[in-house]
Every structure is written in structure tokens, then in C-alpha cells.
Protein backbone atom coordinates (compact mmCIF):
# COMPACT_ATOMS: atom_id res chain seq x y z
CA UNK A 1 131.89 100.86 86.38
CA UNK A 2 130.82 104.46 87.16
CA UNK A 3 127.39 106.03 86.76
CA UNK A 4 126.50 107.16 83.20
CA UNK A 5 125.78 110.96 83.14
CA UNK A 6 127.29 112.30 80.06
CA UNK A 7 128.50 111.55 76.60
CA UNK A 8 131.93 110.60 77.87
CA UNK A 9 130.70 108.28 80.58
CA UNK A 10 128.38 106.57 77.96
CA UNK A 11 131.44 106.25 75.53
CA UNK A 12 133.49 104.75 78.44
CA UNK A 13 130.58 102.21 79.50
CA UNK A 14 130.32 100.99 75.93
CA UNK A 15 133.96 100.53 75.58
CA UNK A 16 134.09 98.59 79.11
CA UNK A 17 131.12 96.41 78.29
CA UNK A 18 132.46 95.43 74.84
CA UNK A 19 136.08 95.12 75.84
CA UNK A 20 136.86 97.14 72.73
CA UNK A 21 138.50 100.46 73.48
CA UNK A 22 139.24 100.79 69.62
CA UNK A 23 135.44 101.37 68.91
CA UNK A 24 135.69 104.56 70.79
CA UNK A 25 138.87 105.54 69.44
CA UNK A 26 137.70 105.09 65.76
CA UNK A 27 134.55 106.90 66.35
CA UNK A 28 132.25 103.88 66.02
CA UNK A 29 130.46 104.55 69.35
CA UNK A 30 129.07 107.69 67.82
CA UNK A 31 127.31 105.71 65.20
CA UNK A 32 125.76 103.49 67.97
CA UNK A 33 124.62 106.45 70.07
CA UNK A 34 122.83 107.94 67.03
CA UNK A 35 121.10 104.78 66.33
CA UNK A 36 120.24 104.18 69.85
CA UNK A 37 118.68 107.52 70.46
CA UNK A 38 116.65 106.98 67.33
CA UNK A 39 115.42 103.64 68.41
CA UNK A 40 114.31 104.99 71.81
CA UNK A 41 112.31 107.77 70.33
CA UNK A 42 110.75 105.55 67.97
CA UNK A 43 109.94 102.82 70.48
CA UNK A 44 108.54 104.93 73.35
CA UNK A 45 105.29 105.56 71.69
CA UNK A 46 104.92 101.95 70.73
CA UNK A 47 105.02 100.95 74.40
CA UNK A 48 102.91 103.97 75.52
CA UNK A 49 99.74 103.85 73.35
CA UNK A 50 101.13 106.50 70.86
CA UNK A 51 102.48 108.75 73.54
CA UNK A 52 105.76 110.07 74.59
CA UNK A 53 106.88 110.75 78.16
CA UNK A 54 107.33 113.77 80.20
CA UNK A 55 111.24 113.80 79.81
CA UNK A 56 110.61 114.63 76.06
CA UNK A 57 108.42 117.75 76.79
CA UNK A 58 109.50 121.26 75.57
CA UNK A 59 107.84 124.57 75.45
CA UNK A 60 106.31 125.85 72.26
CA UNK A 61 106.11 129.56 71.47
CA UNK A 62 104.61 131.90 72.05
CA UNK A 63 104.30 132.63 68.36
CA UNK A 64 102.27 135.08 66.36
CA UNK A 65 100.36 133.64 63.31
CA UNK A 66 102.02 135.44 60.44
CA UNK A 67 100.74 134.95 56.82
CA UNK A 68 98.53 132.13 58.09
CA UNK A 69 101.43 129.96 59.55
CA UNK A 70 103.59 129.49 62.50
CA UNK A 71 107.16 127.65 62.66
CA UNK A 72 107.57 124.04 63.34
CA UNK A 73 110.55 123.26 65.74
CA UNK A 74 113.48 121.52 64.13
CA UNK A 75 113.28 118.93 67.00
CA UNK A 76 109.55 118.24 66.71
CA UNK A 77 108.39 114.71 67.61
CA UNK A 78 104.74 115.35 68.30
CA UNK A 79 102.36 117.58 69.97
CA UNK A 80 101.17 117.63 73.55
CA UNK A 81 98.83 120.55 73.94
CA UNK A 82 99.02 123.66 71.53
CA UNK A 83 96.51 126.45 72.23
CA UNK A 84 95.44 129.64 70.54
CA UNK A 85 94.73 133.01 72.42
CA UNK A 86 91.94 135.06 71.13
CA UNK A 87 93.35 138.40 72.21
CA UNK A 88 90.58 139.05 74.74
CA UNK A 89 91.89 136.80 77.57
CA UNK A 90 90.60 133.28 76.35
CA UNK A 91 92.72 130.37 75.14
CA UNK A 92 91.43 127.38 73.22
CA UNK A 93 93.18 123.99 72.64
CA UNK A 94 93.71 123.22 68.87
CA UNK A 95 92.95 119.94 67.36
CA UNK A 96 95.68 118.40 65.20
CA UNK A 97 94.72 117.19 61.76
CA UNK A 98 96.54 116.19 58.56
CA UNK A 99 97.23 118.97 56.10
CA UNK A 100 94.89 117.55 53.45
CA UNK A 101 92.02 117.63 56.00
CA UNK A 102 92.55 121.35 56.48
CA UNK A 103 92.75 122.11 52.89
CA UNK A 104 89.60 119.76 52.23
CA UNK A 105 87.49 121.76 54.72
CA UNK A 106 88.94 125.06 54.47
CA UNK A 107 90.12 125.35 50.83
CA UNK A 108 89.71 129.05 50.66
CA UNK A 109 92.83 130.41 52.29
CA UNK A 110 91.54 133.78 53.31
CA UNK A 111 90.79 135.36 56.69
CA UNK A 112 87.69 133.42 58.14
CA UNK A 113 88.04 133.36 61.99
CA UNK A 114 89.86 132.16 64.98
CA UNK A 115 91.59 128.64 64.25
CA UNK A 116 90.16 125.52 65.89
CA UNK A 117 92.37 123.08 63.79
CA UNK A 118 96.10 122.85 63.23
CA UNK A 119 98.27 120.69 60.92
CA UNK A 120 101.89 120.46 59.67
CA UNK A 121 102.57 121.34 56.04
CA UNK A 122 105.53 122.65 54.00
CA UNK A 123 105.96 126.24 53.16
CA UNK A 124 108.30 126.46 50.08
CA UNK A 125 111.25 128.80 49.74
CA UNK A 126 110.29 131.61 47.53
CA UNK A 127 106.73 132.33 48.29
CA UNK A 128 104.25 132.54 51.04
CA UNK A 129 101.21 130.60 51.87
CA UNK A 130 98.80 131.05 48.85
CA UNK A 131 95.62 133.02 49.28
CA UNK A 132 92.34 132.32 47.72
CA UNK A 133 89.16 134.29 47.69
CA UNK A 134 85.45 133.61 46.88
CA UNK A 135 84.46 137.00 45.18
CA UNK A 136 81.51 139.13 45.74
CA UNK A 137 79.68 140.85 42.89
CA UNK A 138 81.47 143.77 41.85
CA UNK A 139 84.37 143.21 44.08
CA UNK A 140 87.86 144.79 42.92
CA UNK A 141 89.89 145.06 46.18
CA UNK A 142 91.44 142.04 48.00
CA UNK A 143 93.53 142.14 51.10
CA UNK A 144 96.83 140.23 50.88
CA UNK A 145 98.56 138.75 53.89
CA UNK A 146 101.71 140.92 53.28
CA UNK A 147 103.10 143.75 51.10
CA UNK A 148 104.46 142.36 47.79
CA UNK A 149 105.27 143.52 44.52
CA UNK A 150 103.01 142.96 41.41
CA UNK A 151 105.73 141.32 39.56
CA UNK A 152 106.27 138.81 42.19
CA UNK A 153 102.87 137.17 42.20
CA UNK A 154 100.90 134.68 40.25
CA UNK A 155 97.17 135.63 40.06
CA UNK A 156 94.38 133.65 38.49
CA UNK A 157 90.51 134.21 38.33
CA UNK A 158 88.52 131.03 37.77
CA UNK A 159 91.62 129.45 36.17
CA UNK A 160 92.61 132.39 33.88
CA UNK A 161 96.01 133.74 34.51
CA UNK A 162 95.85 137.63 35.18
CA UNK A 163 98.41 139.96 33.76
CA UNK A 164 100.14 142.44 35.97
CA UNK A 165 99.71 146.00 35.10
CA UNK A 166 96.83 145.06 32.79
CA UNK A 167 94.36 142.94 34.78
CA UNK A 168 95.45 143.97 38.30
CA UNK A 169 97.80 146.21 40.35
CA UNK A 170 99.01 146.01 43.89
CA UNK A 171 99.16 148.76 46.32
CA UNK A 172 100.80 147.82 49.53
CA UNK A 173 98.89 144.65 50.91
CA UNK A 174 95.91 145.17 48.55
CA UNK A 175 95.33 143.54 45.26
CA UNK A 176 93.07 145.75 42.94
CA UNK A 177 91.43 144.21 39.87
CA UNK A 178 90.96 146.34 36.81
CA UNK A 179 87.38 144.98 36.35
CA UNK A 180 84.99 143.95 39.06
CA UNK A 181 84.16 140.33 39.60
CA UNK A 182 81.13 138.37 39.25
CA UNK A 183 79.65 136.78 42.52
CA UNK A 184 81.33 133.30 43.43
CA UNK A 185 84.42 133.48 41.25
CA UNK A 186 87.57 131.97 42.55
CA UNK A 187 90.67 134.30 42.94
CA UNK A 188 93.98 132.72 43.80
CA UNK A 189 97.14 134.71 44.60
CA UNK A 190 100.51 133.01 45.06
CA UNK A 191 103.75 134.93 45.82
CA UNK A 192 106.69 133.59 43.84
CA UNK A 193 110.32 133.93 43.78
CA UNK A 194 110.95 135.83 40.60
CA UNK A 195 114.09 136.98 38.64
CA UNK A 196 112.69 140.13 37.00
CA UNK A 197 109.14 140.63 37.48
CA UNK A 198 106.55 140.22 34.58
CA UNK A 199 105.86 141.62 31.25
CA UNK A 200 103.27 141.31 28.55
CA UNK A 201 102.76 141.71 24.83
CA UNK A 202 99.88 142.47 22.49
CA UNK A 203 100.37 140.15 19.69
CA UNK A 204 99.82 141.04 16.07
CA UNK A 205 98.09 138.57 13.69
CA UNK A 206 100.35 135.31 13.25
CA UNK A 207 103.03 136.54 15.52
CA UNK A 208 105.16 133.80 16.94
CA UNK A 209 108.51 135.64 18.02
CA UNK A 210 108.43 137.90 21.13
CA UNK A 211 111.60 139.77 22.42
CA UNK A 212 112.06 139.44 26.14
CA UNK A 213 113.32 142.16 28.35
CA UNK A 214 116.01 139.80 29.68
CA UNK A 215 117.36 136.14 29.21
CA UNK A 216 115.39 134.10 31.78
CA UNK A 217 117.76 132.86 34.62
CA UNK A 218 115.29 130.07 35.45
CA UNK A 219 111.82 129.10 34.50
CA UNK A 220 109.34 131.25 32.97
CA UNK A 221 105.46 131.07 33.42
CA UNK A 222 103.69 131.92 30.17
CA UNK A 223 100.01 132.49 29.44
CA UNK A 224 98.20 133.50 26.27
CA UNK A 225 94.78 135.31 26.82
CA UNK A 226 94.91 133.78 30.47
CA UNK A 227 95.59 130.21 29.25
CA UNK A 228 98.76 128.75 30.66
CA UNK A 229 101.14 127.55 27.90
CA UNK A 230 103.21 124.24 27.92
CA UNK A 231 106.92 124.77 27.73
CA UNK A 232 108.64 122.91 24.76
CA UNK A 233 105.04 122.07 23.35
CA UNK A 234 103.40 125.52 22.97
CA UNK A 235 106.63 127.68 23.12
CA UNK A 236 110.33 127.61 23.45
CA UNK A 237 112.91 130.29 24.75
CA UNK A 238 116.27 130.85 23.39
CA UNK A 239 118.24 133.68 24.82
CA UNK A 240 116.00 136.67 24.81
CA UNK A 241 113.57 135.25 22.17
CA UNK A 242 110.23 133.46 23.16
CA UNK A 243 108.77 131.60 20.16
CA UNK A 244 105.28 130.34 20.04
CA UNK A 245 104.61 127.09 18.33
CA UNK A 246 101.42 128.42 16.62
CA UNK A 247 101.07 132.15 15.68
CA UNK A 248 98.94 134.28 18.03
CA UNK A 249 95.85 136.06 16.93
CA UNK A 250 95.84 139.81 16.61
CA UNK A 251 95.12 141.51 20.00
CA UNK A 252 95.90 138.40 22.13
CA UNK A 253 97.83 139.14 25.21
CA UNK A 254 100.98 137.16 26.14
CA UNK A 255 101.99 137.25 29.56
CA UNK A 256 105.45 136.07 30.83
CA UNK A 257 106.36 135.94 34.56
CA UNK A 258 110.17 135.36 35.26
CA UNK A 259 110.87 132.80 37.98
CA UNK A 260 113.89 131.41 39.50
CA UNK A 261 114.85 127.96 40.81
CA UNK A 262 111.63 126.47 39.53
CA UNK A 263 111.39 123.30 37.47
CA UNK A 264 108.33 122.22 35.34
CA UNK A 265 106.84 118.78 34.54
CA UNK A 266 104.23 118.12 31.75
CA UNK A 267 102.14 115.06 32.58
CA UNK A 268 99.34 113.56 30.42
CA UNK A 269 96.37 112.13 32.43
CA UNK A 270 94.64 109.03 32.22
CA UNK A 271 90.87 108.77 32.48
CA UNK A 272 89.80 109.69 35.95
CA UNK A 273 93.41 110.03 37.32
CA UNK A 274 93.97 111.93 40.44
CA UNK A 275 97.47 111.20 41.69
CA UNK A 276 100.40 112.38 39.61
CA UNK A 277 104.11 111.54 40.50
CA UNK A 278 106.64 114.41 39.95
CA UNK A 279 110.09 113.62 38.58
CA UNK A 280 111.78 114.25 42.02
CA UNK A 281 110.72 112.64 45.24
CA UNK A 282 109.86 115.32 47.86
CA UNK A 283 109.32 118.07 45.43
CA UNK A 284 106.98 120.93 46.46
CA UNK A 285 104.37 122.17 43.87
CA UNK A 286 104.32 125.87 43.34
CA UNK A 287 101.80 126.14 40.77
CA UNK A 288 99.69 123.93 38.44
CA UNK A 289 97.49 124.11 35.53
CA UNK A 290 95.03 121.55 33.78
CA UNK A 291 94.70 122.12 29.93
CA UNK A 292 95.61 125.80 30.45
CA UNK A 293 93.48 126.55 33.38
CA UNK A 294 95.31 127.50 36.74
CA UNK A 295 94.51 125.25 39.58
CA UNK A 296 94.05 126.46 43.19
CA UNK A 297 96.15 124.88 45.78
CA UNK A 298 93.96 123.36 48.45
CA UNK A 299 90.71 123.51 46.58
CA UNK A 300 91.74 121.88 43.24
CA UNK A 301 94.59 119.95 44.48
CA UNK A 302 97.07 119.14 47.38
CA UNK A 303 100.48 117.85 47.24
CA UNK A 304 102.76 115.98 49.57
CA UNK A 305 106.31 114.45 49.03
CA UNK A 306 106.37 114.62 45.40
CA UNK A 307 102.76 113.49 44.75
CA UNK A 308 100.11 115.96 43.41
CA UNK A 309 96.42 114.81 44.06
CA UNK A 310 93.54 116.40 42.24
CA UNK A 311 90.38 116.98 43.92
CA UNK A 312 88.51 115.62 40.76
CA UNK A 313 89.76 113.07 38.36
CA UNK A 314 91.14 114.25 35.03
CA UNK A 315 89.84 113.45 31.64
CA UNK A 316 91.83 111.07 29.21
CA UNK A 317 94.59 113.10 27.56
CA UNK A 318 94.45 116.09 29.61
CA UNK A 319 97.73 117.98 30.07
CA UNK A 320 98.71 118.72 33.73
CA UNK A 321 101.53 121.34 33.84
CA UNK A 322 103.27 121.59 37.26
CA UNK A 323 105.84 123.93 38.47
CA UNK A 324 107.84 122.66 41.33
CA UNK A 325 110.79 123.32 43.56
CA UNK A 326 113.16 120.64 45.19
CA UNK A 327 114.66 122.72 47.99
CA UNK A 328 113.96 125.28 50.59
CA UNK A 329 110.85 123.65 51.90
CA UNK A 330 110.23 124.65 55.60
CA UNK A 331 107.90 122.85 57.91
CA UNK A 332 105.17 125.26 59.12
CA UNK A 333 101.83 124.86 61.00
CA UNK A 334 98.67 125.82 59.08
CA UNK A 335 95.39 126.52 60.62
CA UNK A 336 91.66 126.07 59.87
CA UNK A 337 89.70 128.27 59.73
CA UNK A 338 92.32 130.66 58.09
CA UNK A 339 93.22 132.98 60.86
CA UNK A 340 91.54 136.55 60.53
CA UNK A 341 93.90 138.19 62.97
CA UNK A 342 97.55 137.68 64.25
CA UNK A 343 96.50 135.34 67.09
CA UNK A 344 98.98 133.91 69.61
CA UNK A 345 99.87 130.18 69.54
CA UNK A 346 101.73 128.43 72.36
CA UNK A 347 101.83 125.35 74.34
CA UNK A 348 103.88 122.17 74.87
CA UNK A 349 105.37 119.55 72.46
CA UNK A 350 107.52 116.49 72.41
CA UNK A 351 111.13 117.10 71.30
CA UNK A 352 113.83 115.03 69.83
CA UNK A 353 116.90 114.67 72.22
CA UNK A 354 120.01 116.57 71.08
CA UNK A 355 122.41 114.02 69.76
CA UNK A 356 125.15 113.22 72.27
CA UNK A 357 128.54 114.12 71.04
CA UNK A 358 131.73 115.59 72.31
CA UNK A 359 130.05 118.84 71.66
CA UNK A 360 126.80 117.82 73.30
CA UNK A 361 127.73 116.33 76.63
CA UNK A 362 124.20 115.74 77.96
CA UNK A 363 120.56 115.30 77.25
CA UNK A 364 117.63 113.80 78.97
CA UNK A 365 118.69 110.27 78.14
CA UNK A 366 121.65 110.49 80.58
CA UNK A 367 120.06 112.81 83.16
CA UNK A 368 118.51 109.86 85.19
CA UNK A 369 119.66 106.38 85.89
CA UNK A 370 116.65 104.79 84.52
CA UNK A 371 117.10 106.75 81.01
CA UNK A 372 120.75 106.17 81.05
CA UNK A 373 120.22 102.27 81.43
CA UNK A 374 117.99 102.33 78.53
CA UNK A 375 120.48 104.25 76.45
CA UNK A 376 123.28 102.01 77.30
CA UNK A 377 121.40 98.82 76.36
CA UNK A 378 120.36 100.34 73.13
CA UNK A 379 123.96 101.33 72.29
CA UNK A 380 125.00 97.68 73.20
CA UNK A 381 122.46 96.29 70.77
CA UNK A 382 123.99 98.33 68.01
CA UNK A 383 127.50 97.49 68.99
CA UNK A 384 126.52 93.73 68.83
CA UNK A 385 125.10 94.26 65.27
CA UNK A 386 128.28 96.05 64.36
CA UNK A 387 130.41 93.18 65.73
CA UNK A 388 128.18 90.44 64.26
CA UNK A 389 127.79 89.00 67.78
CA UNK A 390 124.32 87.42 67.79
CA UNK A 391 124.35 86.31 71.56
CA UNK A 392 125.26 90.00 72.44
CA UNK A 393 122.52 91.38 70.38
CA UNK A 394 119.95 89.05 71.98
CA UNK A 395 121.14 89.61 75.57
CA UNK A 396 121.14 93.38 75.29
CA UNK A 397 117.94 93.58 73.20
CA UNK A 398 116.17 91.75 76.05
CA UNK A 399 117.69 94.17 78.51
CA UNK A 400 116.76 97.08 76.44
CA UNK A 401 113.16 96.14 76.20
CA UNK A 402 113.04 95.53 80.16
CA UNK A 403 114.74 98.80 80.81
CA UNK A 404 112.61 100.83 78.33
CA UNK A 405 109.16 99.48 79.62
CA UNK A 406 110.29 100.21 83.23
CA UNK A 407 111.08 103.88 81.97
CA UNK A 408 107.59 104.15 80.32
CA UNK A 409 105.85 102.60 83.40
CA UNK A 410 107.62 105.10 85.69
CA UNK A 411 106.42 107.94 83.59
CA UNK A 412 102.87 106.63 83.69
CA UNK A 413 103.03 106.19 87.36
CA UNK A 414 104.36 109.86 87.85
CA UNK A 415 101.50 111.24 85.68
CA UNK A 416 98.63 109.17 86.74
CA UNK A 417 99.45 108.05 90.18
CA UNK A 418 97.05 107.45 92.86
CA UNK A 419 95.36 110.74 94.21
CA UNK A 420 92.26 111.98 95.93
CA UNK A 421 89.38 112.46 93.46
CA UNK A 422 87.69 115.83 93.99
CA UNK A 423 84.18 116.44 92.72
CA UNK A 424 82.82 120.04 92.78
CA UNK A 425 79.08 120.27 93.25
CA UNK A 426 77.17 123.37 92.42
């Protein structure tokens, strides 16, 4: 039997060892290879105190932090060393944390300094990382991470939804409030995907029907005097007519933000409830309000895999309105403190091996005899399961564990082998 050095030679080896050429002819070996690679990548850290091996290393970056984030590679398994450069010649190793930890310790997503911590999060299609500010007395101008249109942002001040063109304007990358703030207020800005900007109405006494400038192509976010309204409870939309359930008071401002691809969920809280499950697993939260007051992502809540978690427990019967999206979520790295400059991020990470196939002839798993032996054994385990051959599974599982341990031990020896200890004095 020849040496395994490619996809083709691996397929031939599986066919030879099983004495079943039809497995390759019918494409079953591809399933074995896929499962085998996944097993190896899962089992290496279990044998290596949570670490991967040198054969899995890949270069990350350099990337410039943009809008507070950098990309996560599609083949990401885990970090080895990721550093940030301060722009004046010094580099610092970033400490990995969970996304919720970053938001707990650095809830205000505004320029604060050079990052010390890094975490993986999801950046949803349709908006950039939300920004939040703790206002100074009399402040009216707030720097945004990028140029945006006033019709494409959701802005709230201490929970009250602000109206574009009335309460604020945007000039380039600066948001300008019409009225100065009081010290310590929380201003939150979320850039959203929109289908027609925003519009507002000044209501007459008892008015319920409002004519929209367009028939919404998706969701609308509606607020009355800054209080977020609940769809199908506080209002309904039919064509270009928005109808309030209860007539407005004279002079009240009704704001409408046109959004595309968003869904909404209305959830009634139990006493002290903090965790809320959205209708779709994996949904990403775009915006949320509690009894009409807009919440600040990271400060008032965090979300992960379709679960929204409030920072503080809700009261019995409060209404949580959540706008979410079920697609377009992109893994990104976030940082704490929030970067105050476009710092450079680079380093080394552990990467998933490209899946071997007719189009992908090689990867690290067939680049050495030791790794190829592990891969063959893992493939034969999968073949035994497929063929319902218990003896075959047991034989090759034992061989797989032995070969995998040898590969991990070899990596340890090469990394931490005996050498001369040098101590610098003075």
C-alpha cells in the first residue's frame, strides 16, 4: 500500500483497507473524510490541555480596526497570539474574553483607548456596531464611527426614541442634537438597514390614522413622543395607512422608521425575568424596548443565539419588544476598551483544515506520515460505523487514539523539547 499524501491516495487507502471499492465509487468516502477531519479537530484539544498543534497555525491580519471591529476568519478554530499595535512602535498581546464580559465591563461603545481585551461577537447584516455615549452637560455633537444618513439610524436618549430632522441631524460622521443634553444621559446610536428613511407627524387631537409616504417593504419602528409602540397592539399598518389603537393627543410627535428584513417579537415578562427566548433560534437582536423605553445594547441587555438577557430583571407584566434578524450575521472581533483610533491587529490563530476533496487535494492532515496515519484511522472508524462492523470500529478506534496521541506528543516535544536555559542578569 502506497504512502498517503493526497485526497486521491487517502480514498485509495480506505478502499483497500475496507476491500470495498464501491464506497469510493458511490461517494461515501467523502462523508468519512468530512467526519474524520471534524473528529481530529475536536479531539486534539482534549488531548492537549485545550491547545491545538503547530500544524494548525495560520497568520491573522494585519487588519485595521474599523467601526470597532475586525473580521473573524472563516476557518477560525481558536487563538494563539493576537496583538494590537499602538501606532508608535509598541505592540501588546490582547486577552481573550467572552463577548458578554466585554459588554459588562465596557458597556459604552464609544472611543475610550487602546484595547486590552478581545472577544468574538456577531455583527448583523444591515447595521454597524452600535455606539453609545455618556453625555456631558450641554453637549450637542457626538462623533460617529462612520458617515451615515439620518434616515438610516435609530437614536435614543435615556430610552426615548429621537426623531430625525426634529430632535437630531447628521452631518458626515457627526450626530447633532437639537437640544443640549444633561450630564450623564445615555445616548445610543444604531445604524440600521432601511427601506425609505424616516418620517414624522404632528398629531391632532384624537387622530388615529396617518398616511405614510410609502407602503412598508418590511418592518417599521414606530414611536409616539419618544415611547416605542408595539405592533398589532398599539398600532397596525395596512398599505400606506398606519392606524393607532388609541387616538393621539394634539401636538404629539409620531415617528416612523422604515426598516427592511427585520422581524419583531412581543414578549410579556415575568417578575424578575432576565432571559427571553426569541421565536427563531440563532436570531440576532437589532433593537429592543421595555414598556416603550429603548434599551441600550451591551448596557441594558446582551444577546446570543436567539436569547436576549436583560442586565436587570423585568417587572411582572412588562412588555419587551424586540426587533431581530435571522440572517446576515457575520462573526467579528470586538474590543475593550472601545478603540479610540484605527489600531492594527495581527497575530497567529489555529485554523480549520480545508476539507479534502477532488478539488482540494491536500491539507496538513496528509502533509506528514504521522498526521496521515491519524486521518486514515479516523476515516476507517467512520467506515466501520457505516458498514455496521463493530469489530472494525473497535480496532480502528484504538489505532486512532494511539496515533492521535503520538501526533500530539510529537508536537509537544518539538515545541518544548530540551534546550539550554539562559538567565540574563543585570
